[in-house]
Structure formats: structure tokens, C-alpha cells
């Protein structure tokens, strides 16, 4: 039996809403890195994971990325994905 496709929504602390789908993947969390570059501009990286633990592991990778790329500062955020009908 095929899994039904669904839409997932994450709401970040700053009010940004990310909608994913349709998908049949068992995704549970959305993560986002907002990096402040040396020139004052910002860059955003994002993705989704199948568990909170998997998302938390990316925090270390974000710190490594900040050192390698020379970011002035960055914010790493995780939000739970909530299923919606449409």
C-alpha cells in the first residue's frame, strides 16, 4: 500500500512559515541556519529531517561551517513540522 502524500508546515520563532509537500516522507522537523557574512549580507541554509535528534546533530555542522566560511555570526533554529490537509 502506498503512503498518502501530505503537506507539512513549520513556523519559525520569527514568524517565517515554511511549507513542504506534497510528500510521503516521514519528516518531523525543519531546520534553518541564518548566517551573517563579513560584508553584512545574510545567507540562509535549510532542510528537514526525520527526527529531532537528527536535526540537533546538524548544530555541530553549522559551527564547523561558520568557521570554514568565516561567518560573523549565525543562528541555528529547529521547528517541528505539523501535518496539514492542503
N, C-alpha and C. Protein backbone atom coordinates (compact mmCIF):
# COMPACT_ATOMS: atom_id res chain seq x y z
N UNK A 1 0.83 -1.17 0.00
CA UNK A 1 0.00 0.00 0.00
C UNK A 1 0.89 1.25 0.00
N UNK A 2 0.59 2.15 -0.88
CA UNK A 2 1.37 3.39 -0.99
C UNK A 2 0.99 4.35 0.13
N UNK A 3 1.99 5.06 0.61
CA UNK A 3 1.72 6.09 1.62
C UNK A 3 1.07 7.28 0.97
N UNK A 4 0.14 7.89 1.66
CA UNK A 4 -0.50 9.06 1.10
C UNK A 4 0.41 10.27 1.23
N UNK A 5 0.30 11.12 0.26
CA UNK A 5 1.10 12.33 0.28
C UNK A 5 0.42 13.36 1.16
N UNK A 6 1.23 14.15 1.86
CA UNK A 6 0.71 15.13 2.79
C UNK A 6 1.53 16.40 2.71
N UNK A 7 1.03 17.46 3.29
CA UNK A 7 1.74 18.73 3.37
C UNK A 7 2.18 18.94 4.81
N UNK A 8 3.37 19.52 4.97
CA UNK A 8 3.92 19.77 6.29
C UNK A 8 4.24 21.26 6.41
N UNK A 9 4.03 21.80 7.60
CA UNK A 9 4.27 23.22 7.83
C UNK A 9 5.11 23.40 9.08
N UNK A 10 6.11 24.29 8.99
CA UNK A 10 6.92 24.68 10.14
C UNK A 10 6.77 26.18 10.32
N UNK A 11 6.64 26.61 11.57
CA UNK A 11 6.59 28.04 11.88
C UNK A 11 7.80 28.36 12.74
N UNK A 12 8.67 29.21 12.23
CA UNK A 12 9.90 29.57 12.92
C UNK A 12 9.62 30.63 13.99
N UNK A 13 10.52 30.79 14.95
CA UNK A 13 10.31 31.75 16.03
C UNK A 13 10.07 33.19 15.55
N UNK A 14 10.64 33.55 14.39
CA UNK A 14 10.46 34.91 13.88
C UNK A 14 9.18 35.06 13.05
N UNK A 15 8.37 33.99 12.98
CA UNK A 15 7.11 34.04 12.24
C UNK A 15 7.18 33.52 10.82
N UNK A 16 8.38 33.22 10.33
CA UNK A 16 8.53 32.68 8.98
C UNK A 16 7.84 31.32 8.91
N UNK A 17 7.06 31.11 7.86
CA UNK A 17 6.33 29.85 7.67
C UNK A 17 6.92 29.11 6.47
N UNK A 18 7.31 27.87 6.67
CA UNK A 18 7.84 27.03 5.59
C UNK A 18 6.87 25.88 5.37
N UNK A 19 6.44 25.71 4.12
CA UNK A 19 5.52 24.64 3.76
C UNK A 19 6.25 23.66 2.87
N UNK A 20 6.13 22.38 3.16
CA UNK A 20 6.80 21.31 2.42
C UNK A 20 5.73 20.36 1.91
N UNK A 21 5.85 19.96 0.66
CA UNK A 21 4.93 18.95 0.16
C UNK A 21 4.41 19.24 -1.22
N UNK A 22 3.68 18.31 -1.73
CA UNK A 22 3.25 17.08 -1.07
C UNK A 22 4.41 16.09 -0.93
N UNK A 23 4.42 15.35 0.16
CA UNK A 23 5.47 14.38 0.41
C UNK A 23 4.90 13.16 1.13
N UNK A 24 5.52 12.04 0.91
CA UNK A 24 5.17 10.82 1.65
C UNK A 24 6.27 10.48 2.64
N UNK A 25 7.37 11.26 2.63
CA UNK A 25 8.49 11.02 3.55
C UNK A 25 8.07 11.29 5.00
N UNK A 26 8.58 10.50 5.93
CA UNK A 26 8.23 10.68 7.35
C UNK A 26 9.05 11.79 8.01
N UNK A 27 8.94 13.00 7.52
CA UNK A 27 9.71 14.13 8.05
C UNK A 27 9.04 14.67 9.31
N UNK A 28 9.86 15.08 10.28
CA UNK A 28 9.31 15.57 11.55
C UNK A 28 9.76 16.97 11.92
N UNK A 29 10.94 17.40 11.42
CA UNK A 29 11.48 18.69 11.83
C UNK A 29 12.12 19.43 10.65
N UNK A 30 12.06 20.75 10.73
CA UNK A 30 12.65 21.65 9.75
C UNK A 30 13.75 22.41 10.47
N UNK A 31 14.90 22.59 9.82
CA UNK A 31 15.98 23.36 10.43
C UNK A 31 16.40 24.47 9.48
N UNK A 32 16.95 25.53 10.08
CA UNK A 32 17.36 26.69 9.29
C UNK A 32 18.59 27.32 9.94
N UNK A 33 19.54 27.69 9.09
CA UNK A 33 20.71 28.45 9.53
C UNK A 33 20.65 29.79 8.83
N UNK A 34 20.66 30.87 9.59
CA UNK A 34 20.74 32.21 9.03
C UNK A 34 22.13 32.73 9.39
N UNK A 35 22.97 32.87 8.38
CA UNK A 35 24.37 33.26 8.58
C UNK A 35 24.57 34.73 8.22
N UNK A 36 25.27 35.45 9.08
CA UNK A 36 25.64 36.84 8.81
C UNK A 36 27.06 36.84 8.25
N UNK A 37 27.21 37.32 7.02
CA UNK A 37 28.50 37.31 6.35
C UNK A 37 29.31 38.55 6.72
N UNK A 38 30.60 38.50 6.44
CA UNK A 38 31.50 39.62 6.74
C UNK A 38 31.08 40.91 6.06
N UNK A 39 30.47 40.82 4.87
CA UNK A 39 30.09 42.02 4.12
C UNK A 39 28.73 42.57 4.56
N UNK A 40 28.16 42.00 5.64
CA UNK A 40 26.89 42.49 6.16
C UNK A 40 25.66 41.82 5.57
N UNK A 41 25.84 41.05 4.52
CA UNK A 41 24.72 40.33 3.92
C UNK A 41 24.45 39.06 4.72
N UNK A 42 23.30 38.46 4.47
CA UNK A 42 22.99 37.20 5.14
C UNK A 42 22.74 36.12 4.11
N UNK A 43 22.90 34.89 4.56
CA UNK A 43 22.69 33.73 3.72
C UNK A 43 21.89 32.72 4.53
N UNK A 44 20.95 32.02 3.90
CA UNK A 44 20.08 31.08 4.60
C UNK A 44 20.28 29.68 4.03
N UNK A 45 20.44 28.72 4.93
CA UNK A 45 20.52 27.31 4.58
C UNK A 45 19.40 26.61 5.34
N UNK A 46 18.77 25.62 4.71
CA UNK A 46 17.67 24.95 5.38
C UNK A 46 17.54 23.51 4.92
N UNK A 47 16.77 22.76 5.69
CA UNK A 47 16.49 21.38 5.33
C UNK A 47 15.47 20.79 6.28
N UNK A 48 15.21 19.50 6.13
CA UNK A 48 14.27 18.83 7.01
C UNK A 48 14.82 17.46 7.34
N UNK A 49 14.39 16.94 8.48
CA UNK A 49 14.91 15.67 8.98
C UNK A 49 13.78 14.76 9.42
N UNK A 50 14.15 13.55 9.73
CA UNK A 50 13.17 12.54 10.15
C UNK A 50 13.11 12.38 11.67
N UNK A 51 13.88 13.20 12.39
CA UNK A 51 13.80 13.16 13.86
C UNK A 51 14.42 14.43 14.43
N UNK A 52 14.05 14.73 15.66
CA UNK A 52 14.64 15.88 16.35
C UNK A 52 16.12 15.63 16.61
N UNK A 53 16.48 14.40 16.95
CA UNK A 53 17.88 14.06 17.20
C UNK A 53 18.73 14.30 15.95
N UNK A 54 18.21 13.93 14.80
CA UNK A 54 18.92 14.14 13.54
C UNK A 54 19.12 15.64 13.29
N UNK A 55 18.11 16.43 13.57
CA UNK A 55 18.21 17.89 13.38
C UNK A 55 19.23 18.48 14.35
N UNK A 56 19.23 18.03 15.59
CA UNK A 56 20.17 18.56 16.59
C UNK A 56 21.62 18.25 16.23
N UNK A 57 21.87 17.13 15.58
CA UNK A 57 23.24 16.78 15.17
C UNK A 57 23.81 17.79 14.19
N UNK A 58 22.94 18.47 13.46
CA UNK A 58 23.39 19.44 12.46
C UNK A 58 23.93 20.73 13.10
N UNK A 59 23.65 20.94 14.38
CA UNK A 59 24.16 22.12 15.08
C UNK A 59 25.70 22.15 15.04
N UNK A 60 26.32 21.00 15.22
CA UNK A 60 27.78 20.92 15.16
C UNK A 60 28.30 21.23 13.77
N UNK A 61 27.60 20.74 12.77
CA UNK A 61 27.99 21.02 11.39
C UNK A 61 27.86 22.51 11.09
N UNK A 62 26.87 23.16 11.69
CA UNK A 62 26.70 24.61 11.49
C UNK A 62 27.89 25.37 12.07
N UNK A 63 28.36 24.95 13.23
CA UNK A 63 29.53 25.60 13.85
C UNK A 63 30.77 25.41 12.96
N UNK A 64 30.94 24.20 12.41
CA UNK A 64 32.06 23.95 11.51
C UNK A 64 31.95 24.82 10.26
N UNK A 65 30.74 24.92 9.71
CA UNK A 65 30.51 25.75 8.53
C UNK A 65 30.82 27.21 8.80
N UNK A 66 30.46 27.68 9.99
CA UNK A 66 30.74 29.08 10.35
C UNK A 66 32.24 29.34 10.37
N UNK A 67 33.00 28.41 10.93
CA UNK A 67 34.46 28.58 10.98
C UNK A 67 35.06 28.51 9.58
N UNK A 68 34.64 27.54 8.78
CA UNK A 68 35.21 27.36 7.44
C UNK A 68 34.88 28.52 6.50
N UNK A 69 33.68 29.06 6.62
CA UNK A 69 33.24 30.10 5.70
C UNK A 69 33.46 31.51 6.23
N UNK A 70 33.89 31.63 7.48
CA UNK A 70 34.18 32.94 8.05
C UNK A 70 32.96 33.78 8.35
N UNK A 71 31.86 33.14 8.74
CA UNK A 71 30.66 33.90 9.09
C UNK A 71 30.92 34.74 10.33
N UNK A 72 30.38 35.95 10.35
CA UNK A 72 30.49 36.79 11.55
C UNK A 72 29.67 36.20 12.68
N UNK A 73 28.48 35.72 12.33
CA UNK A 73 27.56 35.18 13.31
C UNK A 73 26.55 34.30 12.57
N UNK A 74 25.85 33.46 13.31
CA UNK A 74 24.79 32.67 12.68
C UNK A 74 23.78 32.24 13.75
N UNK A 75 22.58 31.92 13.29
CA UNK A 75 21.54 31.38 14.16
C UNK A 75 21.11 30.04 13.59
N UNK A 76 21.07 29.03 14.43
CA UNK A 76 20.61 27.70 14.04
C UNK A 76 19.29 27.46 14.75
N UNK A 77 18.24 27.17 13.98
CA UNK A 77 16.90 27.02 14.55
C UNK A 77 16.25 25.74 14.05
N UNK A 78 15.45 25.14 14.92
CA UNK A 78 14.71 23.92 14.59
C UNK A 78 13.24 24.16 14.92
N UNK A 79 12.36 23.71 14.03
CA UNK A 79 10.92 23.79 14.29
C UNK A 79 10.29 22.45 13.93
N UNK A 80 9.29 22.07 14.70
CA UNK A 80 8.56 20.83 14.42
C UNK A 80 7.67 21.03 13.20
N UNK A 81 7.60 20.02 12.36
CA UNK A 81 6.70 20.04 11.20
C UNK A 81 5.33 19.52 11.62
N UNK A 82 4.29 20.23 11.21
CA UNK A 82 2.92 19.87 11.54
C UNK A 82 2.21 19.53 10.24
N UNK A 83 1.50 18.42 10.23
CA UNK A 83 0.78 17.98 9.03
C UNK A 83 -0.48 18.82 8.82
N UNK A 84 -0.72 19.15 7.56
CA UNK A 84 -1.95 19.87 7.20
C UNK A 84 -2.62 19.17 6.03
N UNK A 85 -3.89 19.45 5.84
CA UNK A 85 -4.66 18.76 4.81
C UNK A 85 -4.39 19.26 3.40
N UNK A 86 -4.07 20.54 3.26
CA UNK A 86 -3.91 21.09 1.90
C UNK A 86 -2.49 21.47 1.62
